[in-house]
């Protein structure tokens, strides 16, 4: 079994591999409900940064990549016409947590 340091080294090696910075075009056609769930998963992953053992690969990701993921997340919501709905859901969740 690998310890956390070994796992971190494997992730670093994977992220530094040749071709990992190459752009990839991905064409997706998804139902809006899937886009909404996917964006919430993105947000949860972005929010998990720095949670140590729980973060896994996310612990290796730099701030620039998290910024890129946040931009992709916003673009998905915008293209699906769900930006306002997502903001309202987040607002309700914030009020609930207060």
N, C-alpha and C. Protein backbone atom coordinates (compact mmCIF):
# COMPACT_ATOMS: atom_id res chain seq x y z
N UNK A 1 0.85 -1.18 0.00
CA UNK A 1 0.00 0.00 0.00
C UNK A 1 0.89 1.24 0.00
N UNK A 2 0.56 2.20 -0.84
CA UNK A 2 1.33 3.43 -0.94
C UNK A 2 0.93 4.39 0.18
N UNK A 3 1.93 5.09 0.71
CA UNK A 3 1.61 6.12 1.70
C UNK A 3 1.27 7.42 0.97
N UNK A 4 0.86 8.43 1.71
CA UNK A 4 0.39 9.67 1.11
C UNK A 4 1.49 10.36 0.30
N UNK A 5 2.72 10.28 0.78
CA UNK A 5 3.84 10.91 0.06
C UNK A 5 4.05 10.23 -1.30
N UNK A 6 3.96 8.91 -1.34
CA UNK A 6 4.12 8.18 -2.59
C UNK A 6 2.99 8.48 -3.57
N UNK A 7 1.77 8.57 -3.05
CA UNK A 7 0.62 8.89 -3.90
C UNK A 7 0.79 10.29 -4.49
N UNK A 8 1.25 11.23 -3.66
CA UNK A 8 1.48 12.60 -4.13
C UNK A 8 2.52 12.61 -5.25
N UNK A 9 3.56 11.79 -5.12
CA UNK A 9 4.60 11.72 -6.13
C UNK A 9 4.04 11.16 -7.45
N UNK A 10 3.18 10.17 -7.36
CA UNK A 10 2.57 9.59 -8.55
C UNK A 10 1.69 10.63 -9.25
N UNK A 11 0.89 11.36 -8.47
CA UNK A 11 0.05 12.41 -9.05
C UNK A 11 0.90 13.49 -9.71
N UNK A 12 1.97 13.92 -9.05
CA UNK A 12 2.87 14.92 -9.63
C UNK A 12 3.43 14.44 -10.95
N UNK A 13 3.84 13.17 -10.99
CA UNK A 13 4.40 12.59 -12.20
C UNK A 13 3.35 12.57 -13.32
N UNK A 14 2.11 12.20 -12.97
CA UNK A 14 1.05 12.16 -13.97
C UNK A 14 0.78 13.54 -14.54
N UNK A 15 0.71 14.55 -13.67
CA UNK A 15 0.41 15.90 -14.12
C UNK A 15 1.54 16.51 -14.94
N UNK A 16 2.77 16.02 -14.73
CA UNK A 16 3.93 16.56 -15.46
C UNK A 16 4.25 15.75 -16.72
N UNK A 17 3.49 14.71 -17.00
CA UNK A 17 3.75 13.86 -18.15
C UNK A 17 3.61 14.64 -19.45
N UNK A 18 4.36 14.24 -20.48
CA UNK A 18 4.24 14.92 -21.79
C UNK A 18 2.81 14.85 -22.31
N UNK A 19 2.38 15.95 -22.85
CA UNK A 19 1.05 16.02 -23.44
C UNK A 19 -0.05 16.43 -22.48
N UNK A 20 0.24 16.50 -21.19
CA UNK A 20 -0.81 16.84 -20.22
C UNK A 20 -1.26 18.29 -20.34
N UNK A 21 -0.47 19.16 -20.95
CA UNK A 21 -0.86 20.55 -21.15
C UNK A 21 -1.51 20.80 -22.51
N UNK A 22 -1.61 19.75 -23.32
CA UNK A 22 -2.25 19.88 -24.63
C UNK A 22 -3.75 20.09 -24.47
N UNK A 23 -4.31 20.97 -25.28
CA UNK A 23 -5.75 21.19 -25.26
C UNK A 23 -6.47 20.02 -25.93
N UNK A 24 -7.63 19.69 -25.39
CA UNK A 24 -8.45 18.61 -25.91
C UNK A 24 -9.85 19.17 -26.14
N UNK A 25 -10.38 18.96 -27.33
CA UNK A 25 -11.73 19.43 -27.62
C UNK A 25 -12.70 18.32 -27.26
N UNK A 26 -13.67 18.67 -26.43
CA UNK A 26 -14.66 17.70 -25.98
C UNK A 26 -16.03 18.22 -26.35
N UNK A 27 -16.75 17.47 -27.13
CA UNK A 27 -18.12 17.84 -27.50
C UNK A 27 -19.09 17.04 -26.65
N UNK A 28 -19.89 17.72 -25.87
CA UNK A 28 -20.84 17.05 -25.00
C UNK A 28 -22.25 17.55 -25.28
N UNK A 29 -23.18 16.66 -25.21
CA UNK A 29 -24.58 17.03 -25.24
C UNK A 29 -25.19 16.38 -24.01
N UNK A 30 -25.57 17.24 -23.04
CA UNK A 30 -26.06 16.74 -21.76
C UNK A 30 -27.40 17.38 -21.42
N UNK A 31 -28.24 16.65 -20.70
CA UNK A 31 -29.47 17.28 -20.19
C UNK A 31 -29.11 18.36 -19.16
N UNK A 32 -29.94 19.36 -19.05
CA UNK A 32 -29.67 20.45 -18.11
C UNK A 32 -29.49 19.94 -16.69
N UNK A 33 -30.28 18.95 -16.28
CA UNK A 33 -30.15 18.45 -14.91
C UNK A 33 -28.77 17.85 -14.68
N UNK A 34 -28.20 17.21 -15.70
CA UNK A 34 -26.86 16.66 -15.59
C UNK A 34 -25.83 17.77 -15.49
N UNK A 35 -26.02 18.84 -16.26
CA UNK A 35 -25.11 19.99 -16.20
C UNK A 35 -25.15 20.60 -14.81
N UNK A 36 -26.34 20.75 -14.25
CA UNK A 36 -26.48 21.34 -12.92
C UNK A 36 -25.77 20.47 -11.87
N UNK A 37 -25.96 19.17 -11.93
CA UNK A 37 -25.28 18.27 -10.98
C UNK A 37 -23.78 18.30 -11.20
N UNK A 38 -23.34 18.29 -12.45
CA UNK A 38 -21.91 18.32 -12.75
C UNK A 38 -21.26 19.59 -12.20
N UNK A 39 -21.93 20.72 -12.34
CA UNK A 39 -21.35 21.96 -11.84
C UNK A 39 -21.27 21.95 -10.31
N UNK A 40 -22.23 21.31 -9.65
CA UNK A 40 -22.18 21.20 -8.19
C UNK A 40 -21.02 20.28 -7.77
N UNK A 41 -20.77 19.25 -8.56
CA UNK A 41 -19.63 18.38 -8.28
C UNK A 41 -18.32 19.16 -8.45
N UNK A 42 -18.24 19.97 -9.50
CA UNK A 42 -17.07 20.84 -9.70
C UNK A 42 -16.87 21.74 -8.48
N UNK A 43 -17.95 22.39 -8.06
CA UNK A 43 -17.87 23.30 -6.93
C UNK A 43 -17.42 22.57 -5.67
N UNK A 44 -17.92 21.36 -5.45
CA UNK A 44 -17.51 20.58 -4.28
C UNK A 44 -16.03 20.23 -4.36
N UNK A 45 -15.57 19.87 -5.55
CA UNK A 45 -14.15 19.55 -5.73
C UNK A 45 -13.26 20.76 -5.53
N UNK A 46 -13.69 21.90 -6.05
CA UNK A 46 -12.91 23.13 -5.88
C UNK A 46 -12.89 23.50 -4.40
N UNK A 47 -14.00 23.29 -3.72
CA UNK A 47 -14.07 23.59 -2.30
C UNK A 47 -13.27 22.62 -1.44
N UNK A 48 -12.96 21.43 -1.97
CA UNK A 48 -12.22 20.42 -1.21
C UNK A 48 -10.72 20.66 -1.22
N UNK A 49 -10.26 21.64 -2.01
CA UNK A 49 -8.84 21.91 -2.08
C UNK A 49 -8.28 22.17 -0.70
N UNK A 50 -7.17 21.53 -0.41
CA UNK A 50 -6.49 21.76 0.86
C UNK A 50 -7.05 20.95 2.02
N UNK A 51 -7.90 19.99 1.74
CA UNK A 51 -8.44 19.16 2.82
C UNK A 51 -7.58 17.93 3.06
N UNK A 52 -6.31 18.02 2.75
CA UNK A 52 -5.36 16.95 3.08
C UNK A 52 -5.66 15.64 2.42
N UNK A 53 -5.82 14.60 3.22
CA UNK A 53 -6.02 13.24 2.73
C UNK A 53 -7.24 13.12 1.83
N UNK A 54 -8.29 13.88 2.14
CA UNK A 54 -9.53 13.78 1.38
C UNK A 54 -9.37 14.31 -0.05
N UNK A 55 -8.44 15.23 -0.25
CA UNK A 55 -8.33 15.91 -1.53
C UNK A 55 -7.67 15.06 -2.61
N UNK A 56 -6.75 14.14 -2.26
CA UNK A 56 -6.10 13.29 -3.25
C UNK A 56 -5.42 14.08 -4.34
N UNK A 57 -5.85 13.85 -5.57
CA UNK A 57 -5.29 14.56 -6.72
C UNK A 57 -5.47 16.06 -6.59
N UNK A 58 -6.56 16.49 -6.01
CA UNK A 58 -6.83 17.93 -5.87
C UNK A 58 -5.76 18.63 -5.04
N UNK A 59 -5.10 17.92 -4.16
CA UNK A 59 -4.03 18.52 -3.35
C UNK A 59 -2.85 18.91 -4.23
N UNK A 60 -2.71 18.30 -5.39
CA UNK A 60 -1.59 18.57 -6.29
C UNK A 60 -1.88 19.68 -7.28
N UNK A 61 -3.13 20.09 -7.37
CA UNK A 61 -3.54 21.07 -8.37
C UNK A 61 -3.22 22.48 -7.88
N UNK A 62 -2.64 23.27 -8.79
CA UNK A 62 -2.29 24.65 -8.41
C UNK A 62 -3.50 25.58 -8.55
N UNK A 63 -3.35 26.80 -8.04
CA UNK A 63 -4.45 27.77 -8.05
C UNK A 63 -4.90 28.12 -9.46
N UNK A 64 -3.98 28.14 -10.41
CA UNK A 64 -4.35 28.47 -11.79
C UNK A 64 -5.33 27.45 -12.35
N UNK A 65 -5.10 26.16 -12.07
CA UNK A 65 -6.00 25.13 -12.58
C UNK A 65 -7.37 25.23 -11.90
N UNK A 66 -7.39 25.55 -10.59
CA UNK A 66 -8.67 25.73 -9.93
C UNK A 66 -9.43 26.90 -10.53
N UNK A 67 -8.70 27.95 -10.91
CA UNK A 67 -9.33 29.10 -11.57
C UNK A 67 -9.91 28.66 -12.92
N UNK A 68 -9.16 27.86 -13.68
CA UNK A 68 -9.65 27.36 -14.97
C UNK A 68 -10.90 26.51 -14.78
N UNK A 69 -10.90 25.65 -13.75
CA UNK A 69 -12.07 24.82 -13.48
C UNK A 69 -13.28 25.67 -13.12
N UNK A 70 -13.06 26.72 -12.35
CA UNK A 70 -14.16 27.62 -12.00
C UNK A 70 -14.71 28.30 -13.25
N UNK A 71 -13.83 28.66 -14.19
CA UNK A 71 -14.29 29.28 -15.44
C UNK A 71 -15.09 28.29 -16.28
N UNK A 72 -14.62 27.05 -16.34
CA UNK A 72 -15.35 26.00 -17.08
C UNK A 72 -16.72 25.80 -16.45
N UNK A 73 -16.75 25.78 -15.13
CA UNK A 73 -18.00 25.61 -14.41
C UNK A 73 -18.99 26.73 -14.76
N UNK A 74 -18.51 27.95 -14.73
CA UNK A 74 -19.36 29.10 -15.07
C UNK A 74 -19.84 29.03 -16.51
N UNK A 75 -18.96 28.59 -17.40
CA UNK A 75 -19.33 28.48 -18.82
C UNK A 75 -20.40 27.40 -19.02
N UNK A 76 -20.28 26.29 -18.33
CA UNK A 76 -21.29 25.23 -18.43
C UNK A 76 -22.65 25.76 -17.99
N UNK A 77 -22.68 26.46 -16.86
CA UNK A 77 -23.94 27.01 -16.38
C UNK A 77 -24.52 28.02 -17.36
N UNK A 78 -23.66 28.87 -17.91
CA UNK A 78 -24.11 29.90 -18.85
C UNK A 78 -24.69 29.26 -20.11
N UNK A 79 -23.97 28.30 -20.68
CA UNK A 79 -24.43 27.66 -21.93
C UNK A 79 -25.72 26.88 -21.74
N UNK A 80 -25.92 26.34 -20.53
CA UNK A 80 -27.14 25.58 -20.25
C UNK A 80 -28.28 26.48 -19.80
N UNK A 81 -28.02 27.78 -19.65
CA UNK A 81 -29.04 28.70 -19.20
C UNK A 81 -29.41 28.49 -17.74
N UNK A 82 -28.44 28.03 -16.95
CA UNK A 82 -28.71 27.69 -15.55
C UNK A 82 -27.97 28.59 -14.55
N UNK A 83 -27.36 29.65 -15.04
CA UNK A 83 -26.56 30.49 -14.16
C UNK A 83 -27.40 31.09 -13.04
N UNK A 84 -28.54 31.69 -13.39
CA UNK A 84 -29.41 32.30 -12.38
C UNK A 84 -29.93 31.26 -11.40
N UNK A 85 -30.35 30.11 -11.90
CA UNK A 85 -30.86 29.07 -11.03
C UNK A 85 -29.79 28.61 -10.05
N UNK A 86 -28.59 28.42 -10.53
CA UNK A 86 -27.49 27.99 -9.67
C UNK A 86 -27.19 29.02 -8.59
N UNK A 87 -27.20 30.29 -8.97
CA UNK A 87 -26.96 31.36 -8.00
C UNK A 87 -28.05 31.38 -6.94
N UNK A 88 -29.28 31.16 -7.34
CA UNK A 88 -30.39 31.14 -6.37
C UNK A 88 -30.28 29.94 -5.44
N UNK A 89 -29.90 28.79 -5.99
CA UNK A 89 -29.70 27.60 -5.15
C UNK A 89 -28.59 27.87 -4.14
N UNK A 90 -27.48 28.44 -4.61
CA UNK A 90 -26.38 28.76 -3.70
C UNK A 90 -26.81 29.74 -2.62
N UNK A 91 -27.64 30.71 -3.00
CA UNK A 91 -28.15 31.68 -2.04
C UNK A 91 -29.00 31.00 -0.98
N UNK A 92 -29.86 30.09 -1.41
CA UNK A 92 -30.69 29.36 -0.46
C UNK A 92 -29.84 28.49 0.48
N UNK A 93 -28.82 27.85 -0.07
CA UNK A 93 -27.95 27.02 0.75
C UNK A 93 -27.17 27.85 1.75
N UNK A 94 -26.78 29.06 1.33
CA UNK A 94 -26.06 29.96 2.24
C UNK A 94 -26.97 30.39 3.39
N UNK A 95 -28.23 30.71 3.06
CA UNK A 95 -29.20 31.11 4.09
C UNK A 95 -29.47 29.97 5.03
N UNK A 96 -29.53 28.74 4.51
CA UNK A 96 -29.80 27.57 5.31
C UNK A 96 -28.67 27.32 6.30
N UNK A 97 -27.43 27.59 5.86
CA UNK A 97 -26.27 27.37 6.70
C UNK A 97 -26.09 28.41 7.78
N UNK A 98 -26.80 29.53 7.67
CA UNK A 98 -26.67 30.62 8.66
C UNK A 98 -27.42 30.35 9.92
